[in-house]
């Protein structure tokens, strides 16, 4: 499966969110693998919110007219 520019941008955004979320949890002194995994899952929220927003110029879902 070849990724287009929008998919790459979404994955890069998710990667940045994961780093921020995992570092924030670890900075509290909590290194439990299940909590770090929860932070990584929670990091999905910002890119998903951008994807749901059809007006997001970076990688929002296009309406059927714009596709």
PDB file of N, CA and C in Angstrom:
ATOM      1  N   UNK A   1       0.849  -1.186   0.000  1.00  0.00           N
ATOM      2  CA  UNK A   1       0.000   0.000   0.000  1.00  0.00           C
ATOM      3  C   UNK A   1       0.890   1.243   0.000  1.00  0.00           C
ATOM      4  N   UNK A   2       0.698   2.064  -0.998  1.00  0.00           N
ATOM      5  CA  UNK A   2       1.477   3.286  -1.104  1.00  0.00           C
ATOM      6  C   UNK A   2       0.756   4.423  -0.387  1.00  0.00           C
ATOM      7  N   UNK A   3       1.501   5.168   0.420  1.00  0.00           N
ATOM      8  CA  UNK A   3       0.909   6.281   1.155  1.00  0.00           C
ATOM      9  C   UNK A   3       1.001   7.556   0.333  1.00  0.00           C
ATOM     10  N   UNK A   4      -0.112   8.292   0.317  1.00  0.00           N
ATOM     11  CA  UNK A   4      -0.066   9.585  -0.360  1.00  0.00           C
ATOM     12  C   UNK A   4       0.379  10.654   0.647  1.00  0.00           C
ATOM     13  N   UNK A   5       0.500  11.877   0.182  1.00  0.00           N
ATOM     14  CA  UNK A   5       1.004  12.959   1.029  1.00  0.00           C
ATOM     15  C   UNK A   5       0.136  13.192   2.261  1.00  0.00           C
ATOM     16  N   UNK A   6      -1.187  13.086   2.097  1.00  0.00           N
ATOM     17  CA  UNK A   6      -2.072  13.291   3.242  1.00  0.00           C
ATOM     18  C   UNK A   6      -1.871  12.216   4.303  1.00  0.00           C
ATOM     19  N   UNK A   7      -1.695  10.970   3.863  1.00  0.00           N
ATOM     20  CA  UNK A   7      -1.471   9.884   4.820  1.00  0.00           C
ATOM     21  C   UNK A   7      -0.140  10.058   5.539  1.00  0.00           C
ATOM     22  N   UNK A   8       0.879  10.461   4.808  1.00  0.00           N
ATOM     23  CA  UNK A   8       2.186  10.696   5.424  1.00  0.00           C
ATOM     24  C   UNK A   8       2.096  11.823   6.451  1.00  0.00           C
ATOM     25  N   UNK A   9       1.384  12.894   6.104  1.00  0.00           N
ATOM     26  CA  UNK A   9       1.233  14.018   7.024  1.00  0.00           C
ATOM     27  C   UNK A   9       0.486  13.583   8.282  1.00  0.00           C
ATOM     28  N   UNK A  10      -0.533  12.752   8.125  1.00  0.00           N
ATOM     29  CA  UNK A  10      -1.292  12.267   9.279  1.00  0.00           C
ATOM     30  C   UNK A  10      -0.421  11.388  10.167  1.00  0.00           C
ATOM     31  N   UNK A  11       0.377  10.508   9.566  1.00  0.00           N
ATOM     32  CA  UNK A  11       1.264   9.650  10.352  1.00  0.00           C
ATOM     33  C   UNK A  11       2.342  10.459  11.075  1.00  0.00           C
ATOM     34  N   UNK A  12       2.859  11.486  10.418  1.00  0.00           N
ATOM     35  CA  UNK A  12       3.848  12.344  11.068  1.00  0.00           C
ATOM     36  C   UNK A  12       3.225  13.102  12.236  1.00  0.00           C
ATOM     37  N   UNK A  13       2.011  13.555  12.058  1.00  0.00           N
ATOM     38  CA  UNK A  13       1.306  14.250  13.136  1.00  0.00           C
ATOM     39  C   UNK A  13       1.079  13.302  14.309  1.00  0.00           C
ATOM     40  N   UNK A  14       0.678  12.058  14.009  1.00  0.00           N
ATOM     41  CA  UNK A  14       0.476  11.074  15.065  1.00  0.00           C
ATOM     42  C   UNK A  14       1.793  10.784  15.787  1.00  0.00           C
ATOM     43  N   UNK A  15       2.879  10.662  15.047  1.00  0.00           N
ATOM     44  CA  UNK A  15       4.179  10.387  15.658  1.00  0.00           C
ATOM     45  C   UNK A  15       4.571  11.505  16.621  1.00  0.00           C
ATOM     46  N   UNK A  16       4.325  12.757  16.217  1.00  0.00           N
ATOM     47  CA  UNK A  16       4.635  13.884  17.117  1.00  0.00           C
ATOM     48  C   UNK A  16       3.762  13.833  18.363  1.00  0.00           C
ATOM     49  N   UNK A  17       2.504  13.483  18.192  1.00  0.00           N
ATOM     50  CA  UNK A  17       1.598  13.375  19.333  1.00  0.00           C
ATOM     51  C   UNK A  17       2.017  12.255  20.274  1.00  0.00           C
ATOM     52  N   UNK A  18       2.466  11.123  19.715  1.00  0.00           N
ATOM     53  CA  UNK A  18       2.915   9.999  20.539  1.00  0.00           C
ATOM     54  C   UNK A  18       4.118  10.414  21.378  1.00  0.00           C
ATOM     55  N   UNK A  19       5.080  11.055  20.743  1.00  0.00           N
ATOM     56  CA  UNK A  19       6.272  11.469  21.474  1.00  0.00           C
ATOM     57  C   UNK A  19       5.884  12.396  22.625  1.00  0.00           C
ATOM     58  N   UNK A  20       5.047  13.370  22.350  1.00  0.00           N
ATOM     59  CA  UNK A  20       4.627  14.298  23.395  1.00  0.00           C
ATOM     60  C   UNK A  20       3.879  13.616  24.525  1.00  0.00           C
ATOM     61  N   UNK A  21       2.954  12.735  24.185  1.00  0.00           N
ATOM     62  CA  UNK A  21       2.150  12.064  25.203  1.00  0.00           C
ATOM     63  C   UNK A  21       2.990  11.106  26.049  1.00  0.00           C
ATOM     64  N   UNK A  22       3.845  10.326  25.401  1.00  0.00           N
ATOM     65  CA  UNK A  22       4.666   9.357  26.129  1.00  0.00           C
ATOM     66  C   UNK A  22       5.687  10.085  27.008  1.00  0.00           C
ATOM     67  N   UNK A  23       6.289  11.143  26.503  1.00  0.00           N
ATOM     68  CA  UNK A  23       7.239  11.913  27.317  1.00  0.00           C
ATOM     69  C   UNK A  23       6.529  12.541  28.512  1.00  0.00           C
ATOM     70  N   UNK A  24       5.320  13.036  28.305  1.00  0.00           N
ATOM     71  CA  UNK A  24       4.579  13.640  29.414  1.00  0.00           C
ATOM     72  C   UNK A  24       4.288  12.615  30.507  1.00  0.00           C
ATOM     73  N   UNK A  25       3.882  11.414  30.129  1.00  0.00           N
ATOM     74  CA  UNK A  25       3.609  10.366  31.123  1.00  0.00           C
ATOM     75  C   UNK A  25       4.909   9.960  31.818  1.00  0.00           C
ATOM     76  N   UNK A  26       5.965   9.768  31.044  1.00  0.00           N
ATOM     77  CA  UNK A  26       7.248   9.361  31.615  1.00  0.00           C
ATOM     78  C   UNK A  26       7.816  10.439  32.532  1.00  0.00           C
ATOM     79  N   UNK A  27       7.570  11.704  32.205  1.00  0.00           N
ATOM     80  CA  UNK A  27       8.085  12.803  33.030  1.00  0.00           C
ATOM     81  C   UNK A  27       7.480  12.811  34.430  1.00  0.00           C
ATOM     82  N   UNK A  28       6.338  12.171  34.580  1.00  0.00           N
ATOM     83  CA  UNK A  28       5.731  12.087  35.912  1.00  0.00           C
ATOM     84  C   UNK A  28       6.349  10.972  36.736  1.00  0.00           C
ATOM     85  N   UNK A  29       7.282  10.233  36.123  1.00  0.00           N
ATOM     86  CA  UNK A  29       7.919   9.124  36.820  1.00  0.00           C
ATOM     87  C   UNK A  29       7.201   7.807  36.620  1.00  0.00           C
ATOM     88  N   UNK A  30       6.195   7.796  35.768  1.00  0.00           N
ATOM     89  CA  UNK A  30       5.418   6.591  35.498  1.00  0.00           C
ATOM     90  C   UNK A  30       5.960   5.937  34.229  1.00  0.00           C
ATOM     91  N   UNK A  31       6.661   4.826  34.419  1.00  0.00           N
ATOM     92  CA  UNK A  31       7.238   4.115  33.281  1.00  0.00           C
ATOM     93  C   UNK A  31       6.530   2.787  33.025  1.00  0.00           C
ATOM     94  N   UNK A  32       5.358   2.613  33.596  1.00  0.00           N
ATOM     95  CA  UNK A  32       4.606   1.373  33.410  1.00  0.00           C
ATOM     96  C   UNK A  32       4.244   1.229  31.928  1.00  0.00           C
ATOM     97  N   UNK A  33       4.593   0.093  31.331  1.00  0.00           N
ATOM     98  CA  UNK A  33       4.331  -0.090  29.895  1.00  0.00           C
ATOM     99  C   UNK A  33       2.860   0.090  29.514  1.00  0.00           C
ATOM    100  N   UNK A  34       1.947  -0.353  30.366  1.00  0.00           N
ATOM    101  CA  UNK A  34       0.530  -0.197  30.010  1.00  0.00           C
ATOM    102  C   UNK A  34       0.119   1.267  30.013  1.00  0.00           C
ATOM    103  N   UNK A  35       0.672   2.073  30.906  1.00  0.00           N
ATOM    104  CA  UNK A  35       0.340   3.498  30.919  1.00  0.00           C
ATOM    105  C   UNK A  35       0.976   4.231  29.747  1.00  0.00           C
ATOM    106  N   UNK A  36       2.189   3.835  29.370  1.00  0.00           N
ATOM    107  CA  UNK A  36       2.822   4.437  28.197  1.00  0.00           C
ATOM    108  C   UNK A  36       2.050   4.064  26.932  1.00  0.00           C
ATOM    109  N   UNK A  37       1.535   2.838  26.883  1.00  0.00           N
ATOM    110  CA  UNK A  37       0.715   2.417  25.739  1.00  0.00           C
ATOM    111  C   UNK A  37      -0.591   3.212  25.689  1.00  0.00           C
ATOM    112  N   UNK A  38      -1.173   3.461  26.848  1.00  0.00           N
ATOM    113  CA  UNK A  38      -2.400   4.275  26.895  1.00  0.00           C
ATOM    114  C   UNK A  38      -2.125   5.681  26.380  1.00  0.00           C
ATOM    115  N   UNK A  39      -0.955   6.223  26.710  1.00  0.00           N
ATOM    116  CA  UNK A  39      -0.584   7.550  26.208  1.00  0.00           C
ATOM    117  C   UNK A  39      -0.454   7.530  24.690  1.00  0.00           C
ATOM    118  N   UNK A  40       0.131   6.448  24.157  1.00  0.00           N
ATOM    119  CA  UNK A  40       0.285   6.329  22.705  1.00  0.00           C
ATOM    120  C   UNK A  40      -1.073   6.236  22.023  1.00  0.00           C
ATOM    121  N   UNK A  41      -2.008   5.528  22.640  1.00  0.00           N
ATOM    122  CA  UNK A  41      -3.359   5.430  22.072  1.00  0.00           C
ATOM    123  C   UNK A  41      -4.068   6.779  22.166  1.00  0.00           C
ATOM    124  N   UNK A  42      -3.908   7.452  23.295  1.00  0.00           N
ATOM    125  CA  UNK A  42      -4.540   8.772  23.469  1.00  0.00           C
ATOM    126  C   UNK A  42      -3.986   9.784  22.471  1.00  0.00           C
ATOM    127  N   UNK A  43      -2.763   9.566  22.012  1.00  0.00           N
ATOM    128  CA  UNK A  43      -2.152  10.470  21.038  1.00  0.00           C
ATOM    129  C   UNK A  43      -2.854  10.415  19.685  1.00  0.00           C
ATOM    130  N   UNK A  44      -3.737   9.450  19.488  1.00  0.00           N
ATOM    131  CA  UNK A  44      -4.521   9.395  18.250  1.00  0.00           C
ATOM    132  C   UNK A  44      -5.535  10.536  18.171  1.00  0.00           C
ATOM    133  N   UNK A  45      -5.925  11.071  19.301  1.00  0.00           N
ATOM    134  CA  UNK A  45      -7.008  12.060  19.330  1.00  0.00           C
ATOM    135  C   UNK A  45      -6.716  13.288  18.462  1.00  0.00           C
ATOM    136  N   UNK A  46      -5.560  13.973  18.598  1.00  0.00           N
ATOM    137  CA  UNK A  46      -5.352  15.172  17.765  1.00  0.00           C
ATOM    138  C   UNK A  46      -5.386  14.908  16.258  1.00  0.00           C
ATOM    139  N   UNK A  47      -4.689  13.876  15.732  1.00  0.00           N
ATOM    140  CA  UNK A  47      -4.775  13.655  14.284  1.00  0.00           C
ATOM    141  C   UNK A  47      -6.172  13.238  13.821  1.00  0.00           C
ATOM    142  N   UNK A  48      -6.874  12.476  14.651  1.00  0.00           N
ATOM    143  CA  UNK A  48      -8.235  12.068  14.272  1.00  0.00           C
ATOM    144  C   UNK A  48      -9.151  13.285  14.224  1.00  0.00           C
ATOM    145  N   UNK A  49      -8.998  14.185  15.175  1.00  0.00           N
ATOM    146  CA  UNK A  49      -9.818  15.411  15.157  1.00  0.00           C
ATOM    147  C   UNK A  49      -9.537  16.235  13.911  1.00  0.00           C
ATOM    148  N   UNK A  50      -8.285  16.272  13.490  1.00  0.00           N
ATOM    149  CA  UNK A  50      -7.957  17.002  12.257  1.00  0.00           C
ATOM    150  C   UNK A  50      -8.535  16.303  11.044  1.00  0.00           C
ATOM    151  N   UNK A  51      -8.501  14.968  11.036  1.00  0.00           N
ATOM    152  CA  UNK A  51      -9.023  14.209   9.906  1.00  0.00           C
ATOM    153  C   UNK A  51     -10.534  14.379   9.788  1.00  0.00           C
ATOM    154  N   UNK A  52     -11.226  14.416  10.914  1.00  0.00           N
ATOM    155  CA  UNK A  52     -12.686  14.562  10.911  1.00  0.00           C
ATOM    156  C   UNK A  52     -13.093  15.931  10.385  1.00  0.00           C
ATOM    157  N   UNK A  53     -12.259  16.939  10.610  1.00  0.00           N
ATOM    158  CA  UNK A  53     -12.559  18.296  10.174  1.00  0.00           C
ATOM    159  C   UNK A  53     -12.333  18.422   8.666  1.00  0.00           C
ATOM    160  N   UNK A  54     -13.404  18.493   7.914  1.00  0.00           N
ATOM    161  CA  UNK A  54     -13.283  18.573   6.451  1.00  0.00           C
ATOM    162  C   UNK A  54     -12.657  19.887   5.991  1.00  0.00           C
ATOM    163  N   UNK A  55     -12.597  20.883   6.868  1.00  0.00           N
ATOM    164  CA  UNK A  55     -12.001  22.164   6.512  1.00  0.00           C
ATOM    165  C   UNK A  55     -10.509  22.233   6.819  1.00  0.00           C
ATOM    166  N   UNK A  56      -9.955  21.186   7.400  1.00  0.00           N
ATOM    167  CA  UNK A  56      -8.530  21.179   7.726  1.00  0.00           C
ATOM    168  C   UNK A  56      -7.735  21.089   6.423  1.00  0.00           C
ATOM    169  N   UNK A  57      -6.907  22.082   6.144  1.00  0.00           N
ATOM    170  CA  UNK A  57      -6.184  22.077   4.871  1.00  0.00           C
ATOM    171  C   UNK A  57      -5.086  21.017   4.795  1.00  0.00           C
ATOM    172  N   UNK A  58      -4.593  20.542   5.925  1.00  0.00           N
ATOM    173  CA  UNK A  58      -3.481  19.583   5.905  1.00  0.00           C
ATOM    174  C   UNK A  58      -3.938  18.187   5.505  1.00  0.00           C
ATOM    175  N   UNK A  59      -4.877  17.627   6.241  1.00  0.00           N
ATOM    176  CA  UNK A  59      -5.339  16.281   5.894  1.00  0.00           C
ATOM    177  C   UNK A  59      -6.744  15.991   6.369  1.00  0.00           C
ATOM    178  N   UNK A  60      -7.576  17.024   6.365  1.00  0.00           N
ATOM    179  CA  UNK A  60      -8.976  16.817   6.686  1.00  0.00           C
ATOM    180  C   UNK A  60      -9.680  16.047   5.587  1.00  0.00           C
ATOM    181  N   UNK A  61     -10.766  15.357   5.955  1.00  0.00           N
ATOM    182  CA  UNK A  61     -11.536  14.612   4.966  1.00  0.00           C
ATOM    183  C   UNK A  61     -12.159  15.597   3.981  1.00  0.00           C
ATOM    184  N   UNK A  62     -12.013  15.317   2.723  1.00  0.00           N
ATOM    185  CA  UNK A  62     -12.631  16.158   1.695  1.00  0.00           C
ATOM    186  C   UNK A  62     -14.077  15.748   1.515  1.00  0.00           C
ATOM    187  N   UNK A  63     -14.918  16.714   1.224  1.00  0.00           N
ATOM    188  CA  UNK A  63     -16.303  16.367   0.917  1.00  0.00           C
ATOM    189  C   UNK A  63     -16.322  15.729  -0.467  1.00  0.00           C
ATOM    190  N   UNK A  64     -17.431  15.108  -0.818  1.00  0.00           N
ATOM    191  CA  UNK A  64     -17.506  14.405  -2.098  1.00  0.00           C
ATOM    192  C   UNK A  64     -17.298  15.354  -3.274  1.00  0.00           C
ATOM    193  N   UNK A  65     -17.657  16.627  -3.141  1.00  0.00           N
ATOM    194  CA  UNK A  65     -17.455  17.598  -4.214  1.00  0.00           C
ATOM    195  C   UNK A  65     -15.976  17.906  -4.411  1.00  0.00           C
ATOM    196  N   UNK A  66     -15.207  17.887  -3.305  1.00  0.00           N
ATOM    197  CA  UNK A  66     -13.790  18.280  -3.386  1.00  0.00           C
ATOM    198  C   UNK A  66     -12.893  17.117  -3.755  1.00  0.00           C
ATOM    199  N   UNK A  67     -13.353  15.890  -3.641  1.00  0.00           N
ATOM    200  CA  UNK A  67     -12.488  14.726  -3.856  1.00  0.00           C
ATOM    201  C   UNK A  67     -12.121  14.530  -5.293  1.00  0.00           C
TER     202      UNK A  67
END
